[in-house]
Amino acid sequence: MSEDLCARLQDVNEAGVYRLSCPLAVLEANVVLSGLTLFEADMAQVHSKGEFLAAMAQVLAAPDWFGHNWDAFADVLGDLSWQPSAGYVLLFCNGAANLGLNDADYEIVSEIFNDTVTYWKSQGKPFWVFVADAL
């Protein structure tokens, strides 16, 4: 099982936005095995755009130029030069299905995630977004 997941995580064509379908520990272990960088975001205290962006800045160790708006968030996800890696996994835990955002902001974030996956595919690197079911 681990070898299959590890191989899938390294497959640029499989990368995308998914609801997590395995235990967190299994994903975390396979991310390490695959040589990718894991950004794990605990969304339990996120209930607004500002809280979401602050959580993302912390999780991604965003540089000082991060402007805490949607354009800056997209720029950070498309750069990650301060976190060189063979690929990236962004994991959201303990949050609501909409990641603590209103419908309009969640739609924007979903578009940013999809654009980011496409961008990193063009660079030959997998970029995964997993959302663990709320507890």
N, C-alpha and C. Protein backbone atom coordinates (compact mmCIF):
# COMPACT_ATOMS: atom_id res chain seq x y z
N MET A 1 0.83 -1.20 0.00
CA MET A 1 0.00 0.00 0.00
C MET A 1 0.86 1.25 0.00
N SER A 2 1.86 1.34 0.87
CA SER A 2 2.70 2.51 0.95
C SER A 2 3.44 2.77 -0.35
N GLU A 3 3.94 1.70 -0.97
CA GLU A 3 4.66 1.89 -2.22
C GLU A 3 3.75 2.47 -3.29
N ASP A 4 2.50 2.01 -3.32
CA ASP A 4 1.55 2.54 -4.31
C ASP A 4 1.28 4.02 -4.06
N LEU A 5 1.01 4.38 -2.81
CA LEU A 5 0.73 5.78 -2.49
C LEU A 5 1.96 6.64 -2.72
N CYS A 6 3.11 6.14 -2.33
CA CYS A 6 4.36 6.88 -2.52
C CYS A 6 4.56 7.16 -4.01
N ALA A 7 4.36 6.17 -4.85
CA ALA A 7 4.51 6.34 -6.30
C ALA A 7 3.48 7.32 -6.84
N ARG A 8 2.25 7.23 -6.36
CA ARG A 8 1.21 8.15 -6.83
C ARG A 8 1.53 9.59 -6.46
N LEU A 9 2.05 9.80 -5.25
CA LEU A 9 2.39 11.16 -4.82
C LEU A 9 3.46 11.78 -5.71
N GLN A 10 4.32 10.97 -6.28
CA GLN A 10 5.38 11.47 -7.14
C GLN A 10 4.91 11.66 -8.59
N ASP A 11 3.71 11.20 -8.92
CA ASP A 11 3.19 11.26 -10.29
C ASP A 11 2.56 12.64 -10.54
N VAL A 12 3.23 13.43 -11.35
CA VAL A 12 2.76 14.79 -11.65
C VAL A 12 1.36 14.77 -12.24
N ASN A 13 1.06 13.80 -13.07
CA ASN A 13 -0.25 13.74 -13.74
C ASN A 13 -1.40 13.41 -12.79
N GLU A 14 -1.10 12.77 -11.67
CA GLU A 14 -2.14 12.42 -10.69
C GLU A 14 -2.43 13.57 -9.72
N ALA A 15 -1.48 14.47 -9.58
CA ALA A 15 -1.60 15.54 -8.59
C ALA A 15 -2.87 16.36 -8.82
N GLY A 16 -3.44 16.83 -7.72
CA GLY A 16 -4.65 17.63 -7.80
C GLY A 16 -5.19 17.92 -6.42
N VAL A 17 -6.47 18.26 -6.37
CA VAL A 17 -7.15 18.60 -5.12
C VAL A 17 -8.09 17.44 -4.80
N TYR A 18 -7.92 16.87 -3.61
CA TYR A 18 -8.68 15.68 -3.23
C TYR A 18 -9.12 15.73 -1.78
N ARG A 19 -10.20 15.02 -1.50
CA ARG A 19 -10.59 14.75 -0.13
C ARG A 19 -9.72 13.57 0.33
N LEU A 20 -9.12 13.66 1.49
CA LEU A 20 -8.21 12.62 1.97
C LEU A 20 -8.99 11.33 2.22
N SER A 21 -8.48 10.22 1.65
CA SER A 21 -9.19 8.94 1.78
C SER A 21 -8.36 7.88 2.50
N CYS A 22 -7.33 8.32 3.21
CA CYS A 22 -6.53 7.39 4.01
C CYS A 22 -6.24 8.06 5.35
N PRO A 23 -5.79 7.29 6.33
CA PRO A 23 -5.44 7.91 7.62
C PRO A 23 -4.32 8.95 7.45
N LEU A 24 -4.37 9.99 8.26
CA LEU A 24 -3.36 11.05 8.20
C LEU A 24 -1.95 10.49 8.31
N ALA A 25 -1.74 9.57 9.22
CA ALA A 25 -0.41 9.02 9.43
C ALA A 25 0.12 8.33 8.18
N VAL A 26 -0.76 7.69 7.43
CA VAL A 26 -0.35 7.01 6.19
C VAL A 26 0.10 8.04 5.16
N LEU A 27 -0.68 9.11 5.01
CA LEU A 27 -0.29 10.16 4.07
C LEU A 27 1.03 10.78 4.50
N GLU A 28 1.14 11.15 5.77
CA GLU A 28 2.36 11.81 6.26
C GLU A 28 3.60 10.94 6.02
N ALA A 29 3.50 9.66 6.32
CA ALA A 29 4.64 8.76 6.12
C ALA A 29 5.01 8.65 4.64
N ASN A 30 4.01 8.60 3.78
CA ASN A 30 4.27 8.46 2.35
C ASN A 30 4.82 9.74 1.74
N VAL A 31 4.44 10.87 2.27
CA VAL A 31 5.01 12.14 1.80
C VAL A 31 6.51 12.15 2.09
N VAL A 32 6.88 11.72 3.29
CA VAL A 32 8.30 11.65 3.65
C VAL A 32 9.03 10.68 2.71
N LEU A 33 8.46 9.49 2.51
CA LEU A 33 9.08 8.49 1.63
C LEU A 33 9.24 8.99 0.19
N SER A 34 8.29 9.80 -0.24
CA SER A 34 8.30 10.26 -1.62
C SER A 34 9.23 11.45 -1.85
N GLY A 35 9.76 12.04 -0.78
CA GLY A 35 10.67 13.16 -0.92
C GLY A 35 9.99 14.49 -1.18
N LEU A 36 8.68 14.55 -0.93
CA LEU A 36 7.95 15.80 -1.12
C LEU A 36 7.92 16.58 0.19
N THR A 37 7.54 17.84 0.10
CA THR A 37 7.42 18.70 1.27
C THR A 37 5.96 18.77 1.67
N LEU A 38 5.70 18.54 2.96
CA LEU A 38 4.34 18.57 3.49
C LEU A 38 4.12 19.87 4.25
N PHE A 39 3.03 20.54 3.91
CA PHE A 39 2.56 21.71 4.66
C PHE A 39 1.23 21.28 5.28
N GLU A 40 1.20 21.15 6.59
CA GLU A 40 -0.01 20.68 7.26
C GLU A 40 -0.67 21.84 8.01
N ALA A 41 -1.91 22.11 7.66
CA ALA A 41 -2.64 23.25 8.22
C ALA A 41 -3.79 22.76 9.09
N ASP A 42 -3.74 23.13 10.36
CA ASP A 42 -4.84 22.84 11.29
C ASP A 42 -5.84 23.98 11.16
N MET A 43 -7.03 23.66 10.66
CA MET A 43 -8.02 24.69 10.35
C MET A 43 -9.07 24.86 11.45
N ALA A 44 -8.86 24.26 12.61
CA ALA A 44 -9.86 24.28 13.68
C ALA A 44 -10.26 25.69 14.09
N GLN A 45 -9.33 26.64 14.05
CA GLN A 45 -9.61 28.00 14.50
C GLN A 45 -9.80 28.99 13.34
N VAL A 46 -10.00 28.47 12.13
CA VAL A 46 -10.15 29.34 10.96
C VAL A 46 -11.63 29.52 10.64
N HIS A 47 -12.07 30.79 10.66
CA HIS A 47 -13.48 31.10 10.41
C HIS A 47 -13.66 32.30 9.49
N SER A 48 -12.57 32.74 8.84
CA SER A 48 -12.68 33.90 7.97
C SER A 48 -11.51 33.92 6.99
N LYS A 49 -11.61 34.79 6.01
CA LYS A 49 -10.53 34.96 5.03
C LYS A 49 -9.24 35.38 5.72
N GLY A 50 -9.31 36.34 6.62
CA GLY A 50 -8.12 36.81 7.32
C GLY A 50 -7.44 35.71 8.12
N GLU A 51 -8.24 34.92 8.83
CA GLU A 51 -7.69 33.81 9.61
C GLU A 51 -7.10 32.74 8.69
N PHE A 52 -7.76 32.48 7.55
CA PHE A 52 -7.25 31.52 6.58
C PHE A 52 -5.88 31.97 6.05
N LEU A 53 -5.79 33.22 5.63
CA LEU A 53 -4.54 33.72 5.07
C LEU A 53 -3.43 33.76 6.12
N ALA A 54 -3.76 34.10 7.35
CA ALA A 54 -2.76 34.09 8.43
C ALA A 54 -2.27 32.67 8.68
N ALA A 55 -3.18 31.71 8.68
CA ALA A 55 -2.79 30.31 8.87
C ALA A 55 -1.90 29.84 7.73
N MET A 56 -2.22 30.23 6.51
CA MET A 56 -1.42 29.82 5.35
C MET A 56 -0.03 30.45 5.40
N ALA A 57 0.05 31.70 5.80
CA ALA A 57 1.36 32.37 5.91
C ALA A 57 2.24 31.62 6.90
N GLN A 58 1.66 31.20 8.02
CA GLN A 58 2.43 30.47 9.03
C GLN A 58 2.83 29.09 8.53
N VAL A 59 1.89 28.34 7.99
CA VAL A 59 2.15 26.97 7.53
C VAL A 59 3.19 26.94 6.41
N LEU A 60 3.10 27.89 5.49
CA LEU A 60 4.00 27.92 4.34
C LEU A 60 5.33 28.63 4.65
N ALA A 61 5.44 29.17 5.87
CA ALA A 61 6.61 29.99 6.23
C ALA A 61 6.81 31.06 5.16
N ALA A 62 5.71 31.75 4.85
CA ALA A 62 5.70 32.74 3.77
C ALA A 62 6.71 33.85 4.03
N PRO A 63 7.34 34.33 2.96
CA PRO A 63 8.31 35.43 3.11
C PRO A 63 7.62 36.74 3.52
N ASP A 64 8.43 37.70 3.90
CA ASP A 64 7.92 38.99 4.38
C ASP A 64 7.05 39.71 3.35
N TRP A 65 7.26 39.44 2.07
CA TRP A 65 6.48 40.14 1.05
C TRP A 65 5.05 39.64 0.93
N PHE A 66 4.71 38.57 1.62
CA PHE A 66 3.35 38.03 1.56
C PHE A 66 2.36 39.09 2.03
N GLY A 67 1.40 39.43 1.17
CA GLY A 67 0.51 40.54 1.43
C GLY A 67 -0.83 40.21 2.04
N HIS A 68 -1.08 38.98 2.44
CA HIS A 68 -2.33 38.57 3.09
C HIS A 68 -3.57 38.93 2.27
N ASN A 69 -3.49 38.65 0.97
CA ASN A 69 -4.65 38.77 0.08
C ASN A 69 -4.59 37.60 -0.90
N TRP A 70 -5.64 37.42 -1.70
CA TRP A 70 -5.70 36.26 -2.59
C TRP A 70 -4.59 36.26 -3.63
N ASP A 71 -4.27 37.41 -4.19
CA ASP A 71 -3.19 37.46 -5.19
C ASP A 71 -1.86 37.03 -4.57
N ALA A 72 -1.58 37.51 -3.37
CA ALA A 72 -0.34 37.15 -2.70
C ALA A 72 -0.32 35.66 -2.36
N PHE A 73 -1.46 35.11 -1.96
CA PHE A 73 -1.54 33.68 -1.66
C PHE A 73 -1.22 32.86 -2.91
N ALA A 74 -1.80 33.25 -4.04
CA ALA A 74 -1.52 32.57 -5.30
C ALA A 74 -0.04 32.69 -5.66
N ASP A 75 0.54 33.87 -5.45
CA ASP A 75 1.96 34.09 -5.75
C ASP A 75 2.85 33.20 -4.88
N VAL A 76 2.53 33.09 -3.59
CA VAL A 76 3.32 32.27 -2.68
C VAL A 76 3.26 30.80 -3.11
N LEU A 77 2.06 30.31 -3.41
CA LEU A 77 1.94 28.90 -3.82
C LEU A 77 2.66 28.62 -5.13
N GLY A 78 2.77 29.62 -5.99
CA GLY A 78 3.45 29.44 -7.26
C GLY A 78 4.94 29.71 -7.21
N ASP A 79 5.45 30.05 -6.04
CA ASP A 79 6.88 30.34 -5.90
C ASP A 79 7.54 29.25 -5.07
N LEU A 80 7.36 29.28 -3.76
CA LEU A 80 7.92 28.30 -2.83
C LEU A 80 9.42 28.11 -2.97
N SER A 81 10.13 29.13 -3.48
CA SER A 81 11.58 29.03 -3.66
C SER A 81 12.31 28.87 -2.34
N TRP A 82 11.71 29.28 -1.23
CA TRP A 82 12.31 29.14 0.09
C TRP A 82 12.10 27.73 0.64
N GLN A 83 11.36 26.89 -0.09
CA GLN A 83 11.12 25.50 0.29
C GLN A 83 11.41 24.59 -0.90
N PRO A 84 12.65 24.55 -1.39
CA PRO A 84 12.93 23.73 -2.56
C PRO A 84 12.59 22.26 -2.30
N SER A 85 11.92 21.64 -3.27
CA SER A 85 11.45 20.28 -3.09
C SER A 85 11.14 19.66 -4.44
N ALA A 86 11.02 18.33 -4.45
CA ALA A 86 10.61 17.61 -5.65
C ALA A 86 9.12 17.77 -5.91
N GLY A 87 8.38 18.27 -4.93
CA GLY A 87 6.95 18.48 -5.04
C GLY A 87 6.39 18.85 -3.68
N TYR A 88 5.08 19.15 -3.66
CA TYR A 88 4.48 19.71 -2.45
C TYR A 88 3.13 19.07 -2.16
N VAL A 89 2.84 18.95 -0.86
CA VAL A 89 1.55 18.46 -0.40
C VAL A 89 1.03 19.45 0.63
N LEU A 90 -0.15 20.00 0.36
CA LEU A 90 -0.81 20.92 1.28
C LEU A 90 -1.99 20.16 1.88
N LEU A 91 -1.92 19.92 3.18
CA LEU A 91 -2.92 19.11 3.88
C LEU A 91 -3.70 19.98 4.86
N PHE A 92 -5.02 19.96 4.73
CA PHE A 92 -5.90 20.70 5.63
C PHE A 92 -6.59 19.73 6.57
N CYS A 93 -6.44 19.97 7.88
CA CYS A 93 -7.02 19.11 8.90
C CYS A 93 -7.94 19.91 9.82
N ASN A 94 -8.88 19.21 10.43
CA ASN A 94 -9.72 19.76 11.50
C ASN A 94 -10.54 20.99 11.10
N GLY A 95 -10.94 21.07 9.88
CA GLY A 95 -11.72 22.22 9.45
C GLY A 95 -13.04 21.82 8.84
N ALA A 96 -13.84 22.80 8.59
CA ALA A 96 -15.11 22.57 7.89
C ALA A 96 -14.82 22.29 6.42
N ALA A 97 -15.80 21.78 5.73
CA ALA A 97 -15.64 21.43 4.31
C ALA A 97 -15.20 22.64 3.48
N ASN A 98 -15.59 23.84 3.89
CA ASN A 98 -15.24 25.06 3.15
C ASN A 98 -13.99 25.74 3.70
N LEU A 99 -13.24 25.02 4.55
CA LEU A 99 -11.97 25.51 5.13
C LEU A 99 -12.15 26.79 5.95
N GLY A 100 -13.33 27.01 6.48
CA GLY A 100 -13.59 28.17 7.32
C GLY A 100 -13.89 29.44 6.54
N LEU A 101 -14.14 29.29 5.25
CA LEU A 101 -14.38 30.45 4.38
C LEU A 101 -15.85 30.54 3.98
N ASN A 102 -16.28 31.75 3.59
CA ASN A 102 -17.62 31.87 3.03
C ASN A 102 -17.59 31.30 1.61
N ASP A 103 -18.75 31.15 1.01
CA ASP A 103 -18.83 30.49 -0.30
C ASP A 103 -18.00 31.20 -1.37
N ALA A 104 -18.05 32.53 -1.41
CA ALA A 104 -17.31 33.27 -2.43
C ALA A 104 -15.80 33.09 -2.26
N ASP A 105 -15.32 33.19 -1.02
CA ASP A 105 -13.89 33.02 -0.78
C ASP A 105 -13.45 31.58 -1.03
N TYR A 106 -14.30 30.61 -0.69
CA TYR A 106 -13.95 29.22 -0.94
C TYR A 106 -13.82 28.96 -2.44
N GLU A 107 -14.67 29.58 -3.22
CA GLU A 107 -14.59 29.45 -4.68
C GLU A 107 -13.26 30.02 -5.20
N ILE A 108 -12.84 31.16 -4.66
CA ILE A 108 -11.57 31.76 -5.04
C ILE A 108 -10.41 30.84 -4.68
N VAL A 109 -10.42 30.30 -3.45
CA VAL A 109 -9.36 29.40 -3.00
C VAL A 109 -9.31 28.15 -3.87
N SER A 110 -10.47 27.61 -4.21
CA SER A 110 -10.51 26.42 -5.07
C SER A 110 -9.87 26.70 -6.42
N GLU A 111 -10.14 27.87 -6.97
CA GLU A 111 -9.54 28.26 -8.25
C GLU A 111 -8.02 28.42 -8.11
N ILE A 112 -7.59 29.03 -7.01
CA ILE A 112 -6.15 29.19 -6.76
C ILE A 112 -5.49 27.82 -6.67
N PHE A 113 -6.10 26.89 -5.94
CA PHE A 113 -5.53 25.55 -5.82
C PHE A 113 -5.42 24.87 -7.19
N ASN A 114 -6.47 24.94 -7.98
CA ASN A 114 -6.45 24.30 -9.30
C ASN A 114 -5.40 24.94 -10.20
N ASP A 115 -5.30 26.27 -10.18
CA ASP A 115 -4.28 26.96 -10.97
C ASP A 115 -2.87 26.59 -10.51
N THR A 116 -2.70 26.43 -9.19
CA THR A 116 -1.40 26.07 -8.64
C THR A 116 -1.00 24.66 -9.07
N VAL A 117 -1.94 23.73 -9.02
CA VAL A 117 -1.66 22.36 -9.48
C VAL A 117 -1.22 22.39 -10.94
N THR A 118 -1.93 23.14 -11.77
CA THR A 118 -1.60 23.24 -13.19
C THR A 118 -0.22 23.85 -13.38
N TYR A 119 0.07 24.91 -12.64
CA TYR A 119 1.38 25.56 -12.76
C TYR A 119 2.50 24.58 -12.42
N TRP A 120 2.40 23.90 -11.27
CA TRP A 120 3.47 23.00 -10.87
C TRP A 120 3.59 21.80 -11.81
N LYS A 121 2.48 21.37 -12.38
CA LYS A 121 2.57 20.31 -13.40
C LYS A 121 3.44 20.78 -14.57
N SER A 122 3.27 22.05 -14.96
CA SER A 122 4.07 22.59 -16.07
C SER A 122 5.55 22.67 -15.71
N GLN A 123 5.86 22.66 -14.42
CA GLN A 123 7.24 22.68 -13.94
C GLN A 123 7.77 21.27 -13.66
N GLY A 124 6.93 20.27 -13.89
CA GLY A 124 7.33 18.88 -13.68
C GLY A 124 7.34 18.46 -12.22
N LYS A 125 6.58 19.18 -11.38
CA LYS A 125 6.52 18.85 -9.96
C LYS A 125 5.07 18.64 -9.54
N PRO A 126 4.83 17.59 -8.74
CA PRO A 126 3.46 17.41 -8.25
C PRO A 126 3.14 18.41 -7.14
N PHE A 127 1.92 18.92 -7.16
CA PHE A 127 1.40 19.76 -6.08
C PHE A 127 0.04 19.18 -5.72
N TRP A 128 -0.07 18.72 -4.50
CA TRP A 128 -1.28 18.08 -4.01
C TRP A 128 -1.95 18.95 -2.96
N VAL A 129 -3.28 18.94 -2.96
CA VAL A 129 -4.04 19.54 -1.88
C VAL A 129 -4.98 18.45 -1.37
N PHE A 130 -4.88 18.14 -0.08
CA PHE A 130 -5.77 17.17 0.54
C PHE A 130 -6.55 17.85 1.65
N VAL A 131 -7.84 17.56 1.70
CA VAL A 131 -8.69 18.06 2.77
C VAL A 131 -9.17 16.84 3.55
N ALA A 132 -8.76 16.77 4.82
CA ALA A 132 -9.21 15.69 5.69
C ALA A 132 -10.61 16.03 6.16
N ASP A 133 -11.46 15.02 6.27
CA ASP A 133 -12.82 15.24 6.75
C ASP A 133 -12.79 15.87 8.13
N ALA A 134 -13.73 16.77 8.35
CA ALA A 134 -13.84 17.41 9.66
C ALA A 134 -14.16 16.36 10.71
N LEU A 135 -13.61 16.55 11.88
CA LEU A 135 -13.85 15.59 12.97
C LEU A 135 -15.08 15.96 13.75
